[in-house]
Amino acid sequence: MSVGWLAMMTALKLGSVSIVTTIVYSYPLFTLLLTKLLLKEEGFGSREIIGSISIVLGTTLF
């Protein structure tokens, strides 16, 4: 089993499902932030930003 899966199951046991899943599925935003911090020469455009935001909004709304 992976550490991420175990952490998610523990969070689901301790917290509300709606909050935990919103945080878990907001990983595209964290990926964008880490890409910008760690890979400074790597750029991303509006397509990546809009896609990440729409994923998080879709998860939050549904």
N, C-alpha and C. Protein backbone atom coordinates (compact mmCIF):
# COMPACT_ATOMS: atom_id res chain seq x y z
N MET A 1 0.84 -1.18 0.00
CA MET A 1 0.00 0.00 0.00
C MET A 1 0.88 1.24 0.00
N SER A 2 0.38 2.28 -0.63
CA SER A 2 1.17 3.50 -0.69
C SER A 2 0.87 4.40 0.51
N VAL A 3 1.79 5.29 0.77
CA VAL A 3 1.64 6.21 1.90
C VAL A 3 0.47 7.16 1.65
N GLY A 4 0.29 7.60 0.40
CA GLY A 4 -0.81 8.50 0.08
C GLY A 4 -2.17 7.87 0.33
N TRP A 5 -2.29 6.61 -0.05
CA TRP A 5 -3.56 5.91 0.15
C TRP A 5 -3.84 5.75 1.65
N LEU A 6 -2.84 5.38 2.41
CA LEU A 6 -3.02 5.23 3.86
C LEU A 6 -3.36 6.56 4.52
N ALA A 7 -2.72 7.64 4.06
CA ALA A 7 -3.02 8.96 4.62
C ALA A 7 -4.45 9.37 4.30
N MET A 8 -4.91 9.07 3.08
CA MET A 8 -6.28 9.42 2.71
C MET A 8 -7.28 8.61 3.53
N MET A 9 -7.03 7.34 3.73
CA MET A 9 -7.95 6.52 4.52
C MET A 9 -7.99 6.98 5.97
N THR A 10 -6.86 7.38 6.51
CA THR A 10 -6.83 7.90 7.87
C THR A 10 -7.59 9.21 7.96
N ALA A 11 -7.40 10.08 6.97
CA ALA A 11 -8.13 11.35 6.96
C ALA A 11 -9.62 11.13 6.84
N LEU A 12 -10.03 10.15 6.03
CA LEU A 12 -11.46 9.85 5.91
C LEU A 12 -12.04 9.30 7.21
N LYS A 13 -11.23 8.57 7.94
CA LYS A 13 -11.69 8.04 9.22
C LYS A 13 -11.85 9.16 10.25
N LEU A 14 -10.96 10.15 10.19
CA LEU A 14 -10.96 11.22 11.20
C LEU A 14 -11.81 12.43 10.82
N GLY A 15 -12.01 12.66 9.53
CA GLY A 15 -12.68 13.89 9.11
C GLY A 15 -13.91 13.65 8.26
N SER A 16 -14.47 14.74 7.83
CA SER A 16 -15.65 14.71 6.98
C SER A 16 -15.27 14.34 5.55
N VAL A 17 -16.08 13.52 4.92
CA VAL A 17 -15.79 13.06 3.56
C VAL A 17 -15.73 14.22 2.58
N SER A 18 -16.64 15.16 2.71
CA SER A 18 -16.68 16.28 1.77
C SER A 18 -15.43 17.14 1.86
N ILE A 19 -14.91 17.33 3.03
CA ILE A 19 -13.70 18.15 3.19
C ILE A 19 -12.47 17.38 2.73
N VAL A 20 -12.37 16.13 3.11
CA VAL A 20 -11.20 15.32 2.76
C VAL A 20 -11.09 15.15 1.25
N THR A 21 -12.19 14.83 0.58
CA THR A 21 -12.11 14.61 -0.87
C THR A 21 -11.79 15.90 -1.61
N THR A 22 -12.27 17.03 -1.13
CA THR A 22 -11.94 18.30 -1.75
C THR A 22 -10.44 18.58 -1.65
N ILE A 23 -9.88 18.31 -0.50
CA ILE A 23 -8.43 18.52 -0.32
C ILE A 23 -7.64 17.51 -1.15
N VAL A 24 -8.06 16.26 -1.15
CA VAL A 24 -7.33 15.23 -1.89
C VAL A 24 -7.33 15.52 -3.39
N TYR A 25 -8.46 15.93 -3.93
CA TYR A 25 -8.56 16.14 -5.36
C TYR A 25 -8.18 17.55 -5.80
N SER A 26 -7.58 18.31 -4.89
CA SER A 26 -7.03 19.61 -5.28
C SER A 26 -5.55 19.48 -5.65
N TYR A 27 -5.08 18.27 -5.86
CA TYR A 27 -3.67 18.06 -6.17
C TYR A 27 -3.19 18.75 -7.45
N PRO A 28 -4.04 19.02 -8.45
CA PRO A 28 -3.51 19.76 -9.61
C PRO A 28 -2.98 21.14 -9.25
N LEU A 29 -3.60 21.80 -8.28
CA LEU A 29 -3.10 23.10 -7.87
C LEU A 29 -1.74 22.98 -7.18
N PHE A 30 -1.59 21.97 -6.35
CA PHE A 30 -0.30 21.75 -5.70
C PHE A 30 0.77 21.37 -6.72
N THR A 31 0.37 20.63 -7.74
CA THR A 31 1.31 20.27 -8.80
C THR A 31 1.78 21.51 -9.55
N LEU A 32 0.87 22.41 -9.85
CA LEU A 32 1.26 23.66 -10.51
C LEU A 32 2.20 24.48 -9.65
N LEU A 33 1.89 24.58 -8.37
CA LEU A 33 2.74 25.36 -7.47
C LEU A 33 4.14 24.75 -7.34
N LEU A 34 4.20 23.45 -7.17
CA LEU A 34 5.50 22.79 -7.04
C LEU A 34 6.30 22.85 -8.34
N THR A 35 5.60 22.78 -9.47
CA THR A 35 6.28 22.90 -10.75
C THR A 35 6.92 24.27 -10.88
N LYS A 36 6.20 25.28 -10.49
CA LYS A 36 6.72 26.64 -10.58
C LYS A 36 7.90 26.84 -9.63
N LEU A 37 7.84 26.23 -8.44
CA LEU A 37 8.92 26.40 -7.47
C LEU A 37 10.16 25.57 -7.80
N LEU A 38 9.96 24.33 -8.21
CA LEU A 38 11.08 23.42 -8.40
C LEU A 38 11.67 23.47 -9.81
N LEU A 39 10.84 23.67 -10.79
CA LEU A 39 11.30 23.69 -12.18
C LEU A 39 11.10 25.10 -12.74
N LYS A 40 11.96 25.99 -12.35
CA LYS A 40 11.79 27.40 -12.67
C LYS A 40 11.76 27.67 -14.17
N GLU A 41 12.49 26.88 -14.97
CA GLU A 41 12.49 27.11 -16.41
C GLU A 41 11.24 26.55 -17.09
N GLU A 42 10.51 25.69 -16.38
CA GLU A 42 9.28 25.12 -16.93
C GLU A 42 8.14 26.12 -16.76
N GLY A 43 7.51 26.44 -17.84
CA GLY A 43 6.39 27.37 -17.78
C GLY A 43 5.08 26.67 -18.07
N PHE A 44 4.02 27.29 -17.69
CA PHE A 44 2.71 26.77 -18.03
C PHE A 44 1.82 27.94 -18.38
N GLY A 45 0.88 27.67 -19.24
CA GLY A 45 0.03 28.73 -19.76
C GLY A 45 -1.35 28.71 -19.16
N SER A 46 -2.20 29.47 -19.79
CA SER A 46 -3.57 29.60 -19.28
C SER A 46 -4.33 28.28 -19.39
N ARG A 47 -3.96 27.44 -20.35
CA ARG A 47 -4.64 26.16 -20.52
C ARG A 47 -4.46 25.28 -19.28
N GLU A 48 -3.25 25.22 -18.76
CA GLU A 48 -2.98 24.40 -17.58
C GLU A 48 -3.66 24.98 -16.34
N ILE A 49 -3.62 26.30 -16.22
CA ILE A 49 -4.23 26.95 -15.05
C ILE A 49 -5.74 26.76 -15.07
N ILE A 50 -6.37 27.00 -16.21
CA ILE A 50 -7.82 26.85 -16.30
C ILE A 50 -8.22 25.39 -16.09
N GLY A 51 -7.46 24.47 -16.62
CA GLY A 51 -7.75 23.05 -16.42
C GLY A 51 -7.67 22.64 -14.97
N SER A 52 -6.64 23.10 -14.27
CA SER A 52 -6.49 22.76 -12.85
C SER A 52 -7.61 23.36 -12.01
N ILE A 53 -7.94 24.60 -12.29
CA ILE A 53 -9.00 25.24 -11.53
C ILE A 53 -10.35 24.56 -11.80
N SER A 54 -10.59 24.17 -13.04
CA SER A 54 -11.87 23.51 -13.33
C SER A 54 -11.96 22.14 -12.66
N ILE A 55 -10.86 21.43 -12.55
CA ILE A 55 -10.87 20.15 -11.84
C ILE A 55 -11.23 20.35 -10.38
N VAL A 56 -10.61 21.33 -9.75
CA VAL A 56 -10.87 21.58 -8.33
C VAL A 56 -12.31 22.07 -8.13
N LEU A 57 -12.78 22.96 -9.00
CA LEU A 57 -14.15 23.44 -8.87
C LEU A 57 -15.16 22.31 -9.11
N GLY A 58 -14.88 21.45 -10.06
CA GLY A 58 -15.77 20.31 -10.30
C GLY A 58 -15.84 19.39 -9.11
N THR A 59 -14.72 19.17 -8.47
CA THR A 59 -14.69 18.33 -7.28
C THR A 59 -15.44 18.99 -6.13
N THR A 60 -15.26 20.28 -6.00
CA THR A 60 -15.90 21.02 -4.90
C THR A 60 -17.41 21.08 -5.08
N LEU A 61 -17.85 21.31 -6.30
CA LEU A 61 -19.28 21.49 -6.54
C LEU A 61 -20.06 20.18 -6.53
N PHE A 62 -19.40 19.09 -6.85
CA PHE A 62 -20.11 17.82 -6.91
C PHE A 62 -19.61 16.96 -5.81
